Amino acid sequence: NWLHLRDGSGEAGQADITVTTDDGAAIGDLVIAKGRIATKMDFGSGYSYDVLMQDAKLTLDEAPAKN
């Protein structure tokens, strides 16, 4: 699976990190991703990443309690 994690900072489409994982997640899930970071990855055909987290393990996290 290829996931794009966004934290809401930066310009639209520029503030995410791409993660490869065997785990799954749904849009809107709050996850903790732990994996190996690689930089300057170019797979050809327009698929290039300045930063890529590979072979990540995902843990679903609980949303913070609202007061």
Protein backbone atom coordinates (compact mmCIF):
# COMPACT_ATOMS: atom_id res chain seq x y z
CA ASN A 1 0.00 0.00 0.00
CA TRP A 2 1.13 3.55 -0.73
CA LEU A 3 -0.25 6.14 1.70
CA HIS A 4 0.05 9.93 1.73
CA LEU A 5 0.07 11.34 5.25
CA ARG A 6 -0.75 15.03 5.58
CA ASP A 7 -0.40 17.18 8.66
CA GLY A 8 -2.04 20.34 7.27
CA SER A 9 1.13 22.44 7.15
CA GLY A 10 2.69 23.93 4.03
CA GLU A 11 1.23 24.44 0.59
CA ALA A 12 -1.52 22.20 -0.75
CA GLY A 13 -0.05 19.03 -2.25
CA GLN A 14 3.39 19.76 -0.80
CA ALA A 15 2.87 18.94 2.88
CA ASP A 16 2.73 15.18 2.90
CA ILE A 17 4.98 12.20 3.31
CA THR A 18 4.52 9.09 1.23
CA VAL A 19 4.58 5.81 3.14
CA THR A 20 4.81 2.23 1.89
CA THR A 21 3.26 -0.41 4.14
CA ASP A 22 1.58 -3.79 4.16
CA ASP A 23 -0.94 -2.35 6.65
CA GLY A 24 -4.12 -0.50 5.67
CA ALA A 25 -5.72 2.75 6.78
CA ALA A 26 -8.81 4.72 5.80
CA ILE A 27 -9.01 8.40 4.91
CA GLY A 28 -9.27 10.32 8.17
CA ASP A 29 -7.70 7.62 10.36
CA LEU A 30 -5.28 8.90 12.97
CA VAL A 31 -2.21 6.69 12.68
CA ILE A 32 1.31 6.37 14.00
CA ALA A 33 3.68 5.22 11.25
CA LYS A 34 7.09 3.77 12.03
CA GLY A 35 9.41 2.79 9.21
CA ARG A 36 12.66 3.34 7.40
CA ILE A 37 13.20 6.81 5.91
CA ALA A 38 14.77 7.08 2.47
CA THR A 39 15.60 10.31 0.60
CA LYS A 40 15.81 11.21 -3.08
CA MET A 41 13.97 8.10 -4.32
CA ASP A 42 13.26 8.05 -8.08
CA PHE A 43 11.30 5.09 -9.46
CA GLY A 44 11.01 6.58 -12.97
CA SER A 45 7.82 7.44 -14.90
CA GLY A 46 7.34 10.57 -12.76
CA TYR A 47 7.38 8.76 -9.41
CA SER A 48 10.03 10.55 -7.42
CA TYR A 49 10.06 11.40 -3.72
CA ASP A 50 12.32 13.71 -1.72
CA VAL A 51 11.38 11.75 1.43
CA LEU A 52 9.78 8.29 1.53
CA MET A 53 8.98 6.13 4.55
CA GLN A 54 9.35 2.49 3.56
CA ASP A 55 8.07 -0.76 5.08
CA ALA A 56 6.12 1.12 7.75
CA LYS A 57 4.07 -0.48 10.50
CA LEU A 58 0.88 1.44 11.25
CA THR A 59 -0.79 1.73 14.61
CA LEU A 60 -4.29 3.25 14.81
CA ASP A 61 -4.32 6.04 17.38
CA GLU A 62 -7.29 7.37 19.29
CA ALA A 63 -8.41 10.92 18.59
CA PRO A 64 -7.78 13.30 21.48
CA ALA A 65 -10.73 13.84 23.81
CA LYS A 66 -12.73 17.01 23.08
CA ASN A 67 -13.43 19.29 26.02
